[in-house]
Amino acid sequence: MSPRKITVKTLEANGYQFKRHGANHDLYYNPETGKTIPVKRHDFNENDMKYIFKEAGIKNQKDRDRG
């Protein structure tokens, strides 16, 4: 599975909801925390995924997805 798909699936599993499309990003919002996380649509790699998980407060998700 691509890093972007893993990121979107993980955000949704952690309470984030698709909010809207931006110019080059999709925005995901968590009503419990009030955080909005932008997820870019192009040139998405594992470093982007790690950064988003850090910003969203999701720890070690990559390791869980591999197992």
Protein backbone atom coordinates (compact mmCIF):
# COMPACT_ATOMS: atom_id res chain seq x y z
CA MET A 1 0.00 0.00 0.00
CA SER A 2 1.29 3.47 -0.81
CA PRO A 3 2.39 5.81 2.00
CA ARG A 4 -0.43 8.23 1.15
CA LYS A 5 -3.11 5.54 1.40
CA ILE A 6 -1.65 4.32 4.71
CA THR A 7 -1.67 7.91 5.98
CA VAL A 8 -5.30 8.58 5.02
CA LYS A 9 -6.48 5.24 6.42
CA THR A 10 -4.59 5.83 9.68
CA LEU A 11 -5.88 9.39 10.07
CA GLU A 12 -9.46 8.19 9.59
CA ALA A 13 -8.91 5.36 12.11
CA ASN A 14 -7.74 7.97 14.62
CA GLY A 15 -10.81 10.20 14.38
CA TYR A 16 -9.86 12.46 11.46
CA GLN A 17 -12.52 13.20 8.87
CA PHE A 18 -12.11 14.45 5.32
CA LYS A 19 -12.88 18.16 5.41
CA ARG A 20 -12.24 19.47 1.89
CA HIS A 21 -9.89 19.59 -1.07
CA GLY A 22 -7.33 22.37 -1.05
CA ALA A 23 -5.26 23.47 -4.05
CA ASN A 24 -2.72 20.62 -3.83
CA HIS A 25 -3.78 19.00 -0.56
CA ASP A 26 -6.71 17.23 1.02
CA LEU A 27 -7.56 18.50 4.50
CA TYR A 28 -8.47 16.16 7.34
CA TYR A 29 -10.03 17.49 10.54
CA ASN A 30 -10.33 15.91 13.98
CA PRO A 31 -13.30 17.38 15.88
CA GLU A 32 -12.02 16.04 19.22
CA THR A 33 -8.64 17.77 19.04
CA GLY A 34 -9.55 20.64 16.71
CA LYS A 35 -6.52 19.86 14.51
CA THR A 36 -6.55 20.12 10.73
CA ILE A 37 -3.91 18.12 8.87
CA PRO A 38 -3.07 18.77 5.19
CA VAL A 39 -2.22 15.68 3.12
CA LYS A 40 -0.61 16.46 -0.21
CA ARG A 41 -1.84 14.59 -3.27
CA HIS A 42 1.38 14.39 -5.32
CA ASP A 43 4.97 13.32 -4.60
CA PHE A 44 3.95 11.80 -1.26
CA ASN A 45 6.60 9.64 0.41
CA GLU A 46 7.40 7.99 3.75
CA ASN A 47 8.98 11.17 5.13
CA ASP A 48 5.69 13.00 4.54
CA MET A 49 3.85 10.18 6.29
CA LYS A 50 6.17 10.35 9.33
CA TYR A 51 5.75 14.13 9.55
CA ILE A 52 1.95 13.90 9.38
CA PHE A 53 1.82 11.21 12.07
CA LYS A 54 4.03 13.38 14.28
CA GLU A 55 1.80 16.44 13.75
CA ALA A 56 -1.36 14.38 14.36
CA GLY A 57 0.07 12.78 17.50
CA ILE A 58 0.01 9.24 16.07
CA LYS A 59 2.98 7.15 17.21
CA ASN A 60 4.68 4.18 15.53
CA GLN A 61 1.85 3.58 13.08
CA LYS A 62 4.22 2.51 10.30
CA ASP A 63 5.52 -0.37 12.43
CA ARG A 64 1.96 -1.54 13.19
CA ASP A 65 1.00 -1.53 9.51
CA ARG A 66 3.92 -3.79 8.60
CA GLY A 67 3.05 -6.45 11.19
